[in-house]
Protein backbone atom coordinates (compact mmCIF):
# COMPACT_ATOMS: atom_id res chain seq x y z
CA MET A 1 -27.92 -7.69 -22.32
CA THR A 2 -25.89 -10.51 -23.87
CA THR A 3 -24.79 -10.39 -27.50
CA THR A 4 -22.50 -12.63 -29.51
CA GLY A 5 -19.36 -10.78 -30.63
CA SER A 6 -18.15 -11.15 -34.19
CA ALA A 7 -14.56 -11.59 -35.23
CA SER A 8 -14.22 -7.90 -36.01
CA ALA A 9 -15.95 -6.59 -32.88
CA GLY A 10 -14.04 -5.29 -29.92
CA VAL A 11 -11.82 -2.51 -28.66
CA SER A 12 -9.44 -0.88 -31.15
CA TRP A 13 -5.72 -0.54 -30.42
CA GLY A 14 -4.66 3.01 -29.61
CA SER A 15 -7.98 4.08 -28.07
CA ALA A 16 -8.31 5.27 -24.48
CA GLN A 17 -10.30 2.16 -23.64
CA ALA A 18 -7.61 -0.06 -25.15
CA ARG A 19 -4.99 1.55 -22.95
CA GLY A 20 -7.25 1.15 -19.92
CA VAL A 21 -7.93 -2.55 -20.61
CA LEU A 22 -4.23 -3.21 -21.12
CA ALA A 23 -3.36 -1.34 -17.93
CA ALA A 24 -5.94 -3.28 -15.90
CA THR A 25 -4.69 -6.67 -17.05
CA VAL A 26 -1.03 -5.75 -16.62
CA VAL A 27 -1.60 -4.36 -13.11
CA GLY A 28 -3.60 -7.43 -12.05
CA SER A 29 -1.31 -10.13 -13.42
CA GLY A 30 1.77 -8.06 -12.53
CA MET A 31 0.63 -7.93 -8.90
CA ALA A 32 0.65 -11.72 -8.66
CA MET A 33 3.97 -11.98 -10.51
CA LEU A 34 5.55 -9.29 -8.33
CA ASP A 35 4.35 -11.02 -5.17
CA GLY A 36 6.06 -14.27 -6.12
CA THR A 37 9.47 -12.68 -6.54
CA ILE A 38 9.09 -10.50 -3.46
CA VAL A 39 8.26 -13.44 -1.19
CA ASN A 40 11.41 -15.31 -2.26
CA VAL A 41 13.53 -12.30 -1.28
CA ALA A 42 11.68 -11.96 2.03
CA LEU A 43 12.05 -15.60 3.18
CA PRO A 44 15.15 -15.16 5.39
CA LYS A 45 13.55 -12.19 7.19
CA ILE A 46 10.28 -14.07 7.64
CA GLY A 47 12.13 -17.03 9.12
CA GLY A 48 14.12 -14.82 11.48
CA GLU A 49 11.18 -12.77 12.79
CA LEU A 50 8.66 -15.61 13.13
CA GLY A 51 11.19 -18.22 14.23
CA ALA A 52 10.18 -20.45 11.33
CA SER A 53 11.97 -23.68 10.51
CA VAL A 54 12.74 -24.77 6.95
CA THR A 55 9.43 -26.65 7.02
CA GLY A 56 7.59 -23.45 7.89
CA LEU A 57 9.26 -21.56 5.04
CA GLN A 58 8.42 -24.39 2.66
CA TRP A 59 4.77 -24.03 3.60
CA VAL A 60 4.92 -20.26 3.08
CA LEU A 61 5.76 -20.96 -0.55
CA ASP A 62 3.83 -24.19 -1.03
CA GLY A 63 0.64 -22.94 0.62
CA TYR A 64 0.30 -20.44 -2.21
CA LEU A 65 1.41 -22.83 -4.95
CA LEU A 66 -0.90 -25.56 -3.68
CA SER A 67 -4.14 -23.59 -4.03
CA LEU A 68 -2.92 -21.98 -7.24
CA ALA A 69 -2.03 -25.28 -8.93
CA SER A 70 -5.22 -26.96 -7.70
CA LEU A 71 -7.62 -24.28 -8.92
CA ILE A 72 -6.02 -22.77 -12.02
CA LEU A 73 -7.60 -25.35 -14.35
CA VAL A 74 -11.15 -24.62 -13.26
CA ALA A 75 -10.59 -20.88 -12.75
CA GLY A 76 -10.35 -20.12 -16.45
CA SER A 77 -13.62 -21.88 -17.18
CA LEU A 78 -15.31 -19.94 -14.36
CA GLY A 79 -14.50 -16.71 -16.17
CA ASP A 80 -15.81 -18.06 -19.46
CA ARG A 81 -18.97 -19.25 -17.75
CA TYR A 82 -19.84 -16.47 -15.29
CA GLY A 83 -18.08 -13.42 -16.74
CA ARG A 84 -14.39 -12.87 -17.30
CA ARG A 85 -14.25 -9.41 -15.76
CA ARG A 86 -16.31 -10.53 -12.77
CA VAL A 87 -14.06 -13.47 -11.95
CA PHE A 88 -10.92 -11.42 -12.62
CA GLU A 89 -12.11 -8.68 -10.23
CA LEU A 90 -13.02 -11.29 -7.63
CA GLY A 91 -9.50 -12.68 -7.88
CA VAL A 92 -7.93 -9.23 -7.52
CA VAL A 93 -10.01 -8.34 -4.45
CA TRP A 94 -9.43 -11.78 -2.92
CA PHE A 95 -5.69 -11.49 -3.53
CA GLY A 96 -5.58 -8.02 -1.96
CA LEU A 97 -7.51 -9.04 1.17
CA ALA A 98 -5.40 -12.17 1.61
CA SER A 99 -2.29 -9.98 1.29
CA VAL A 100 -3.51 -7.93 4.26
CA LEU A 101 -3.81 -11.15 6.28
CA CYS A 102 -0.29 -12.14 5.20
CA GLY A 103 1.11 -8.76 6.23
CA ALA A 104 -0.56 -8.93 9.64
CA ALA A 105 0.26 -12.59 10.38
CA PRO A 106 1.59 -13.01 13.95
CA THR A 107 2.79 -16.60 13.47
CA THR A 108 4.05 -18.89 10.74
CA GLY A 109 0.82 -20.90 10.83
CA VAL A 110 -1.35 -17.83 10.25
CA LEU A 111 0.94 -16.70 7.43
CA VAL A 112 0.69 -20.10 5.72
CA ALA A 113 -3.13 -20.05 5.98
CA ALA A 114 -3.19 -16.55 4.50
CA ARG A 115 -0.90 -17.67 1.70
CA VAL A 116 -3.30 -20.51 0.84
CA LEU A 117 -6.09 -17.93 0.55
CA GLN A 118 -3.82 -15.71 -1.53
CA GLY A 119 -3.29 -18.60 -3.92
CA VAL A 120 -7.05 -18.85 -4.45
CA GLY A 121 -7.08 -15.22 -5.55
CA GLY A 122 -4.06 -15.83 -7.76
CA ALA A 123 -5.82 -18.74 -9.47
CA LEU A 124 -8.86 -16.58 -10.21
CA LEU A 125 -6.93 -13.65 -11.69
CA THR A 126 -4.02 -15.38 -13.46
CA PRO A 127 -5.96 -16.93 -16.40
CA GLY A 128 -8.32 -13.94 -16.48
CA SER A 129 -5.82 -11.32 -17.63
CA LEU A 130 -5.02 -13.06 -20.91
CA ALA A 131 -8.65 -14.09 -21.44
CA LEU A 132 -9.81 -10.49 -21.02
CA LEU A 133 -7.39 -9.30 -23.70
CA GLN A 134 -8.44 -11.98 -26.14
CA SER A 135 -12.14 -11.38 -25.64
CA THR A 136 -12.02 -7.56 -25.51
CA PHE A 137 -9.70 -6.45 -28.33
CA ARG A 138 -10.56 -6.53 -32.01
CA HIS A 139 -9.38 -9.63 -33.86
CA ASP A 140 -6.66 -7.72 -35.73
CA ASP A 141 -5.34 -6.06 -32.55
CA ARG A 142 -5.19 -9.07 -30.23
CA ALA A 143 -1.65 -10.13 -31.09
CA ARG A 144 -0.38 -6.60 -30.50
CA ALA A 145 -2.27 -6.30 -27.20
CA ILE A 146 -1.03 -9.65 -25.89
CA GLY A 147 2.52 -8.82 -26.96
CA ALA A 148 2.34 -5.55 -25.01
CA TRP A 149 0.85 -7.37 -22.00
CA SER A 150 3.62 -9.96 -22.11
CA GLY A 151 6.37 -7.37 -22.36
CA LEU A 152 5.00 -5.20 -19.56
CA GLY A 153 4.43 -8.30 -17.43
CA GLY A 154 8.07 -9.19 -17.98
CA VAL A 155 9.04 -5.75 -16.72
CA ALA A 156 7.08 -6.48 -13.53
CA ALA A 157 9.06 -9.69 -13.11
CA ALA A 158 12.29 -7.79 -13.71
CA VAL A 159 11.65 -5.09 -11.10
CA GLY A 160 10.11 -7.52 -8.59
CA PRO A 161 13.35 -8.56 -6.89
CA LEU A 162 14.49 -4.93 -6.61
CA VAL A 163 11.14 -3.80 -5.22
CA GLY A 164 11.07 -6.75 -2.82
CA GLY A 165 14.55 -6.04 -1.56
CA LEU A 166 13.80 -2.36 -1.05
CA LEU A 167 10.56 -3.05 0.82
CA VAL A 168 12.09 -5.70 3.06
CA GLN A 169 15.17 -3.60 3.74
CA ALA A 170 13.21 -0.35 4.28
CA TRP A 171 10.87 -1.70 6.95
CA SER A 172 9.80 -5.32 7.15
CA TRP A 173 8.86 -8.37 5.13
CA ARG A 174 5.26 -7.42 5.97
CA LEU A 175 5.43 -4.51 3.56
CA ALA A 176 6.13 -7.00 0.78
CA PHE A 177 2.53 -8.20 1.18
CA LEU A 178 0.83 -4.94 2.14
CA VAL A 179 2.05 -3.25 -1.06
CA ASN A 180 -0.51 -5.36 -2.93
CA VAL A 181 -3.43 -3.45 -1.41
CA PRO A 182 -3.06 -0.16 -3.35
CA VAL A 183 -2.14 -2.14 -6.47
CA ALA A 184 -5.36 -4.16 -6.18
CA ALA A 185 -7.40 -0.99 -5.65
CA LEU A 186 -5.92 0.55 -8.81
CA CYS A 187 -6.68 -2.59 -10.79
CA ILE A 188 -10.33 -2.62 -9.70
CA TYR A 189 -10.69 1.06 -10.63
CA LEU A 190 -9.29 0.39 -14.11
CA CYS A 191 -11.51 -2.65 -14.60
CA ARG A 192 -14.69 -0.77 -13.68
CA LYS A 193 -13.77 2.18 -15.89
CA TYR A 194 -12.49 0.46 -19.02
CA VAL A 195 -13.07 -3.30 -19.17
CA PRO A 196 -16.34 -4.63 -20.63
CA GLU A 197 -17.83 -7.85 -19.37
CA SER A 198 -17.73 -10.94 -21.58
CA ARG A 199 -18.55 -14.62 -21.32
CA ASP A 200 -18.97 -17.71 -23.47
CA ALA A 201 -22.73 -18.15 -23.89
CA SER A 202 -22.25 -21.63 -25.34
CA MET A 203 -20.98 -23.08 -22.05
CA LYS A 204 -23.53 -25.37 -20.45
CA GLY A 205 -23.67 -27.44 -17.27
CA HIS A 206 -21.64 -26.78 -14.14
CA PRO A 207 -17.92 -26.50 -13.32
CA ASP A 208 -16.22 -29.75 -12.35
CA VAL A 209 -16.34 -29.13 -8.60
CA VAL A 210 -15.75 -32.77 -7.66
CA GLY A 211 -12.69 -33.01 -9.91
CA THR A 212 -11.31 -29.77 -8.53
CA VAL A 213 -11.75 -30.93 -4.92
CA LEU A 214 -10.12 -34.29 -5.62
CA CYS A 215 -7.19 -32.59 -7.33
CA ALA A 216 -6.76 -30.20 -4.41
CA LEU A 217 -6.97 -33.00 -1.83
CA GLY A 218 -4.49 -35.11 -3.77
CA LEU A 219 -1.92 -32.34 -4.13
CA ALA A 220 -2.42 -31.22 -0.53
CA GLY A 221 -1.94 -34.72 0.84
CA VAL A 222 1.19 -35.48 -1.17
CA THR A 223 2.66 -32.05 -0.44
CA GLY A 224 1.91 -32.38 3.28
CA ALA A 225 3.62 -35.77 3.45
CA LEU A 226 6.68 -34.54 1.56
CA VAL A 227 7.08 -31.35 3.60
CA GLU A 228 6.34 -32.78 7.04
CA GLY A 229 7.92 -36.22 6.54
CA PRO A 230 11.57 -35.25 7.17
CA ALA A 231 10.75 -33.47 10.44
CA ARG A 232 8.06 -35.81 11.81
CA GLY A 233 9.33 -39.11 10.45
CA LEU A 234 7.67 -41.36 7.89
CA GLY A 235 5.87 -43.31 10.63
CA ASP A 236 4.12 -40.24 12.01
CA PRO A 237 0.27 -40.56 11.82
CA PHE A 238 -0.10 -37.15 10.14
CA VAL A 239 2.40 -38.04 7.44
CA LEU A 240 0.83 -41.44 6.81
CA VAL A 241 -2.72 -40.04 6.63
CA ALA A 242 -1.61 -37.19 4.37
CA LEU A 243 0.15 -39.61 2.03
CA VAL A 244 -2.86 -41.94 1.81
CA VAL A 245 -5.27 -39.05 1.25
CA GLY A 246 -2.97 -37.60 -1.40
CA VAL A 247 -2.50 -40.81 -3.36
CA LEU A 248 -6.19 -41.74 -3.18
CA GLY A 249 -7.26 -38.23 -4.10
CA LEU A 250 -5.04 -38.10 -7.20
CA ALA A 251 -6.07 -41.64 -8.21
CA ALA A 252 -9.76 -40.76 -7.86
CA PHE A 253 -9.18 -37.57 -9.88
CA CYS A 254 -7.64 -39.58 -12.73
CA VAL A 255 -10.48 -42.12 -12.71
CA LEU A 256 -13.05 -39.31 -12.72
CA GLN A 257 -11.40 -37.62 -15.70
CA ILE A 258 -11.53 -40.89 -17.66
CA ARG A 259 -15.23 -41.46 -16.92
CA GLU A 260 -16.51 -37.88 -16.99
CA ARG A 261 -18.37 -36.74 -20.11
CA ASP A 262 -16.90 -33.22 -19.86
CA PRO A 263 -13.67 -33.72 -17.85
CA LEU A 264 -11.52 -30.97 -16.39
CA VAL A 265 -8.48 -32.60 -18.05
CA PRO A 266 -9.53 -34.57 -21.18
CA PRO A 267 -7.54 -37.85 -21.17
CA ASP A 268 -7.29 -37.90 -24.97
CA LEU A 269 -4.89 -34.95 -24.76
CA PHE A 270 -2.24 -37.30 -23.43
CA ALA A 271 -2.71 -39.74 -26.31
CA ASN A 272 -0.48 -37.36 -28.24
CA ARG A 273 3.14 -38.27 -27.47
CA THR A 274 4.45 -34.76 -28.09
CA PHE A 275 1.88 -33.21 -25.74
CA THR A 276 2.77 -35.69 -22.99
CA VAL A 277 6.54 -35.36 -23.42
CA SER A 278 6.36 -31.54 -23.56
CA ASN A 279 4.40 -31.42 -20.32
CA LEU A 280 6.80 -33.82 -18.63
CA LEU A 281 9.67 -31.58 -19.76
CA THR A 282 7.75 -28.58 -18.37
CA PHE A 283 7.34 -30.37 -15.03
CA LEU A 284 11.04 -31.22 -14.73
CA MET A 285 12.28 -27.81 -15.82
CA TYR A 286 9.95 -25.81 -13.57
CA ALA A 287 10.63 -28.15 -10.66
CA ALA A 288 14.34 -27.44 -11.05
CA LEU A 289 13.65 -23.73 -11.51
CA GLY A 290 11.34 -23.47 -8.46
CA GLY A 291 13.84 -25.21 -6.21
CA VAL A 292 16.78 -23.04 -7.26
CA MET A 293 14.90 -19.73 -7.05
CA MET A 294 13.74 -20.58 -3.51
CA LEU A 295 17.24 -21.33 -2.24
CA MET A 296 19.32 -18.81 -4.19
CA VAL A 297 18.16 -15.71 -2.33
CA MET A 298 18.62 -17.55 0.97
CA GLN A 299 22.16 -18.60 0.05
CA LEU A 300 23.04 -15.07 -1.02
CA GLN A 301 21.65 -13.43 2.11
CA VAL A 302 22.69 -15.99 4.73
CA SER A 303 25.97 -17.37 3.38
CA LEU A 304 27.28 -14.54 1.21
CA HIS A 305 25.78 -11.78 3.44
CA TYR A 306 24.05 -9.89 0.64
CA PRO A 307 21.49 -7.31 1.79
CA PRO A 308 17.93 -8.04 0.53
CA VAL A 309 18.17 -5.52 -2.31
CA LEU A 310 21.34 -7.04 -3.78
CA ALA A 311 20.05 -10.58 -3.26
CA GLY A 312 16.96 -9.64 -5.23
CA LEU A 313 18.98 -8.04 -8.00
CA ALA A 314 21.35 -10.99 -8.34
CA GLY A 315 18.92 -12.93 -10.52
CA LEU A 316 17.89 -9.94 -12.64
CA PRO A 317 19.98 -11.04 -15.67
CA ILE A 318 17.74 -14.11 -16.01
CA THR A 319 14.64 -11.99 -16.51
CA LEU A 320 16.41 -9.53 -18.81
CA ILE A 321 17.65 -12.38 -21.01
CA MET A 322 14.10 -13.76 -21.12
CA LEU A 323 12.71 -10.37 -22.13
CA VAL A 324 15.21 -9.85 -24.93
CA GLY A 325 15.31 -13.36 -26.34
CA SER A 326 11.95 -15.10 -25.87
CA ALA A 327 10.30 -13.85 -29.08
CA ARG A 328 13.38 -14.68 -31.16
CA SER A 329 13.58 -18.12 -29.59
CA GLY A 330 9.96 -18.85 -30.46
CA LYS A 331 10.42 -17.73 -34.06
CA LEU A 332 13.52 -19.89 -34.41
CA ALA A 333 11.59 -22.92 -33.16
CA GLN A 334 8.91 -22.25 -35.75
CA ARG A 335 11.55 -22.20 -38.49
CA ILE A 336 13.70 -25.21 -37.52
CA GLY A 337 11.31 -27.18 -35.30
CA PRO A 338 11.30 -27.21 -31.49
CA ARG A 339 13.24 -30.40 -30.75
CA LEU A 340 16.79 -29.03 -30.84
CA GLN A 341 15.92 -26.11 -28.56
CA LEU A 342 14.03 -28.37 -26.15
CA ILE A 343 17.14 -30.56 -25.90
CA VAL A 344 19.75 -27.80 -25.66
CA GLY A 345 17.77 -25.39 -23.44
CA PRO A 346 17.24 -27.67 -20.40
CA ILE A 347 20.83 -28.94 -20.66
CA LEU A 348 22.07 -25.33 -20.51
CA VAL A 349 19.76 -24.71 -17.54
CA GLY A 350 21.40 -27.68 -15.81
CA ALA A 351 24.87 -26.37 -16.68
CA GLY A 352 23.97 -22.96 -15.23
CA MET A 353 22.84 -24.62 -12.03
CA LEU A 354 26.13 -26.47 -11.70
CA MET A 355 28.01 -23.20 -12.24
CA LEU A 356 25.97 -21.61 -9.43
CA ARG A 357 27.72 -24.05 -7.08
CA TRP A 358 30.51 -21.46 -7.18
CA ALA A 359 28.29 -19.09 -5.16
CA VAL A 360 29.90 -19.86 -1.80
CA PRO A 361 31.12 -17.65 1.06
CA GLY A 362 33.96 -15.43 -0.14
CA ALA A 363 33.01 -15.60 -3.82
CA SER A 364 32.39 -12.37 -5.70
CA TYR A 365 29.25 -11.77 -7.74
CA LEU A 366 31.18 -11.57 -11.01
CA SER A 367 32.97 -14.88 -10.55
CA GLY A 368 30.63 -16.86 -8.30
CA VAL A 369 27.10 -15.85 -9.30
CA LEU A 370 26.89 -14.05 -12.65
CA PRO A 371 28.31 -16.80 -14.93
CA GLY A 372 25.81 -19.37 -13.65
CA VAL A 373 22.92 -16.89 -13.79
CA VAL A 374 23.71 -15.97 -17.42
CA VAL A 375 23.97 -19.59 -18.62
CA PHE A 376 20.84 -20.44 -16.62
CA GLY A 377 18.97 -17.58 -18.31
CA LEU A 378 20.19 -18.56 -21.78
CA GLY A 379 18.89 -22.08 -21.22
CA LEU A 380 15.50 -20.78 -20.18
CA VAL A 381 15.17 -18.41 -23.13
CA ILE A 382 16.02 -21.23 -25.53
CA ALA A 383 13.46 -23.65 -24.07
CA VAL A 384 10.50 -21.78 -22.54
CA ALA A 385 8.80 -20.27 -25.62
CA PRO A 386 9.21 -23.45 -27.73
CA VAL A 387 7.85 -25.77 -25.05
CA THR A 388 4.73 -23.62 -24.58
CA ALA A 389 4.19 -23.36 -28.33
CA THR A 390 4.71 -27.11 -28.71
CA VAL A 391 2.13 -27.96 -26.05
CA LEU A 392 -0.48 -25.75 -27.72
CA ALA A 393 0.33 -26.99 -31.23
CA ALA A 394 0.09 -30.64 -30.15
CA ALA A 395 -3.42 -30.18 -28.74
CA PRO A 396 -6.57 -30.63 -30.87
CA ASP A 397 -8.47 -27.48 -31.83
CA ARG A 398 -11.25 -28.04 -29.33
CA HIS A 399 -8.80 -28.39 -26.41
CA ALA A 400 -6.51 -25.40 -27.06
CA GLY A 401 -7.64 -23.51 -23.95
CA VAL A 402 -7.53 -26.60 -21.74
CA ALA A 403 -4.07 -27.46 -23.04
CA SER A 404 -2.66 -24.08 -22.01
CA GLY A 405 -4.25 -24.48 -18.57
CA VAL A 406 -2.84 -28.00 -18.18
CA ASN A 407 0.64 -26.79 -19.09
CA ASN A 408 0.45 -23.98 -16.54
CA ALA A 409 -0.86 -26.31 -13.84
CA VAL A 410 1.95 -28.77 -14.60
CA ALA A 411 4.54 -26.00 -14.20
CA ARG A 412 3.06 -24.85 -10.88
CA THR A 413 2.88 -28.44 -9.61
CA GLY A 414 6.53 -28.96 -10.51
CA SER A 415 7.52 -25.93 -8.44
CA LEU A 416 5.18 -27.02 -5.64
CA LEU A 417 6.71 -30.49 -5.30
CA ALA A 418 10.27 -29.20 -5.71
CA VAL A 419 9.85 -26.80 -2.80
CA ALA A 420 8.37 -29.67 -0.78
CA VAL A 421 11.12 -32.21 -1.53
CA LEU A 422 14.32 -30.32 -2.23
CA PRO A 423 15.34 -28.93 1.19
CA ALA A 424 15.18 -32.33 2.88
CA ALA A 425 16.82 -34.07 -0.08
CA ALA A 426 19.67 -31.55 0.13
CA GLY A 427 20.00 -31.91 3.91
CA ILE A 428 18.54 -28.50 4.81
CA THR A 429 16.24 -29.22 7.74
CA GLY A 430 15.21 -27.49 10.96
CA ASP A 431 17.04 -24.20 11.35
CA LYS A 432 20.04 -25.15 9.19
CA TYR A 433 19.08 -22.47 6.67
CA ALA A 434 20.37 -19.91 9.22
CA ASP A 435 23.81 -21.57 9.38
CA PRO A 436 26.03 -20.45 6.45
CA THR A 437 28.11 -23.63 6.48
CA ALA A 438 25.13 -26.01 6.56
CA LEU A 439 23.18 -23.93 4.03
CA THR A 440 26.10 -23.82 1.58
CA ALA A 441 26.49 -27.61 1.71
CA GLY A 442 22.75 -28.03 1.13
CA TRP A 443 22.77 -25.40 -1.62
CA GLN A 444 25.42 -27.26 -3.58
CA MET A 445 23.60 -30.57 -3.22
CA ALA A 446 20.29 -28.97 -4.23
CA LEU A 447 21.88 -27.53 -7.36
CA LEU A 448 23.17 -30.96 -8.32
CA ILE A 449 19.70 -32.49 -7.90
CA CYS A 450 18.04 -29.71 -9.89
CA ALA A 451 20.65 -29.92 -12.64
CA VAL A 452 19.93 -33.64 -13.05
CA ALA A 453 16.19 -32.90 -13.31
CA ALA A 454 16.76 -30.19 -15.93
CA VAL A 455 19.08 -32.36 -18.04
CA ALA A 456 16.55 -35.22 -17.83
CA GLY A 457 14.02 -32.85 -19.38
CA GLY A 458 16.41 -32.22 -22.26
CA VAL A 459 16.93 -35.95 -22.79
CA ILE A 460 13.22 -36.78 -23.08
CA ALA A 461 12.84 -33.97 -25.64
CA PHE A 462 14.32 -36.38 -28.20
CA TRP A 463 10.80 -37.84 -28.39
CA VAL A 464 9.17 -34.53 -29.41
CA ASP A 465 7.74 -34.39 -32.94
CA ASN A 466 9.97 -31.82 -34.65
CA GLY A 467 7.29 -31.00 -37.22
CA VAL A 468 4.55 -30.11 -34.75
CA LEU A 469 4.93 -26.33 -35.18
CA GLY A 470 4.89 -26.65 -38.95
CA GLU A 471 1.46 -28.28 -39.07
CA ALA A 472 -1.67 -26.28 -39.79
CA PRO A 473 -2.16 -24.20 -36.64
CA THR A 474 -5.43 -24.23 -34.78
CA GLU A 475 -7.91 -21.37 -34.75
CA ALA A 476 -7.62 -20.84 -31.04
CA VAL A 477 -3.86 -20.32 -31.22
CA VAL A 478 -3.53 -18.31 -34.41
CA GLU A 479 -6.68 -16.23 -34.54
CA ASP A 480 -7.07 -15.29 -30.91
CA SER A 481 -3.48 -15.08 -29.76
CA PRO A 482 -0.15 -13.97 -31.15
CA HIS A 483 2.07 -16.45 -32.85
CA PRO A 484 3.10 -18.96 -30.17
CA GLY A 485 6.69 -17.86 -30.46
CA ASP A 486 5.93 -14.15 -30.24
CA CYS A 487 4.91 -14.18 -26.58
CA LEU A 488 7.37 -12.35 -24.33
CA HIS A 489 5.90 -13.92 -21.21
CA CYS A 490 8.49 -14.39 -18.48
CA GLY A 491 9.17 -18.09 -18.10
CA VAL A 492 10.39 -17.69 -14.54
CA GLU A 493 6.81 -17.23 -13.38
CA GLY A 494 5.11 -19.84 -15.55
CA PRO A 495 3.75 -20.46 -19.03
CA PRO A 496 0.97 -18.28 -20.47
CA THR A 497 -2.49 -19.33 -19.35
CA HIS A 498 -5.92 -19.82 -20.80
CA VAL A 499 -6.60 -19.48 -24.52
CA VAL A 500 -10.27 -18.64 -25.10
CA PRO A 501 -12.37 -19.64 -28.12
CA ARG A 502 -12.68 -17.33 -31.12
CA GLN A 503 -16.41 -16.74 -30.71
CA VAL A 504 -17.20 -14.85 -27.51
CA SER A 505 -20.23 -13.22 -26.01
CA THR A 506 -20.16 -9.64 -24.82
CA VAL A 507 -22.31 -8.34 -22.02
CA ASP A 508 -23.21 -4.72 -22.40
């Protein structure tokens, strides 16, 4: 039976069901977050055992990011349309099964294919966790529930590097994927026991399948050309075809969004200068972040000879700083306006990256790694919450959910393209990642490139409307989610996803 929920309907905070719903969403989203940090730690071991080149390792990361970035926009609407719990559970099961394929992969090619499938599962479950909280909890308890979800999700990000290092060091990189299986099983059990089904009964028509396919083809083509180009040469038929398919696919996607009555990405969103500038800043900052996080654990393990556990723990201060400071940073932006933080934050991120150039063979953690990591983390905590809040505040009421999805897709695409471009741009090709001297030279060049990208994000923030957070907030942001600045979501993984409308339908 389908009924329309009122503003006061839903699960009450403190009840057994509330704890079960919170646990299910944290376990599901935490599994995907944990996997991302674990895979970064495992990259050197994967390359050594499978004989992968830098190109192969790029695809291990980009295969996942490609399907995730391509599908995350439509995935949230699938939950609203067909049932949020149903789509969330499908994503969890899909992610778990794909993790088994990753753990059993005999070659780099099979691992990349399994990672693409894993990204599909990640796209289905990532928007669903937040949507389930917003549609399940009582109106007055939603902010508290989402705050708890954000904080616990941040804990998952914090322990991820440690868990990844322990798993890789204890047995094999394969365990880093296989650990997802019992986690997925626990999540499904919690969903079936505690989480009610809900959907938006007002949604009509069909999902934008054509737009989604064009977006996926475009990103896949461009990514393929960027990753394979340095090894194959720009004149290689595969590279040329991939580039043409990518450019045409993205162009066709843009044309379709302009002409479509109900587009996946409404073009009028970008008529707002602050929305456009904030998303461009997001792209640059997450591109810089994705490139550095990929290479840092490799530099620490290969050049500085850290064991996997210590390499994973090296970046822990970033997450801890994010956990402690994100809410305060968001509240400050609400009080003084976001522009100053969006200028200073990315510049500090760039400064932290330049300081990480001290992480060379012979350097200690305290002098070569920690100073850069701390400044890097401070820059993130200053910028991440305000940029997410600014994107949502700049969007019209009717597009609040789409705006959060666009911002998340932009962040993932930034990381996707950075992983594709950065190694070659820094001179890390073939098997040079296994040579400490060559890797260190590439690491320092990569940090310079990423620092420039981050600082560029701070420069364009001058064009952000400083009064955007002081305007009358929209229903979708204020009534169904915590204050934009109160979210403790870990910015290392990506912005929060998918804000659902206030009126929901509940399926008994």
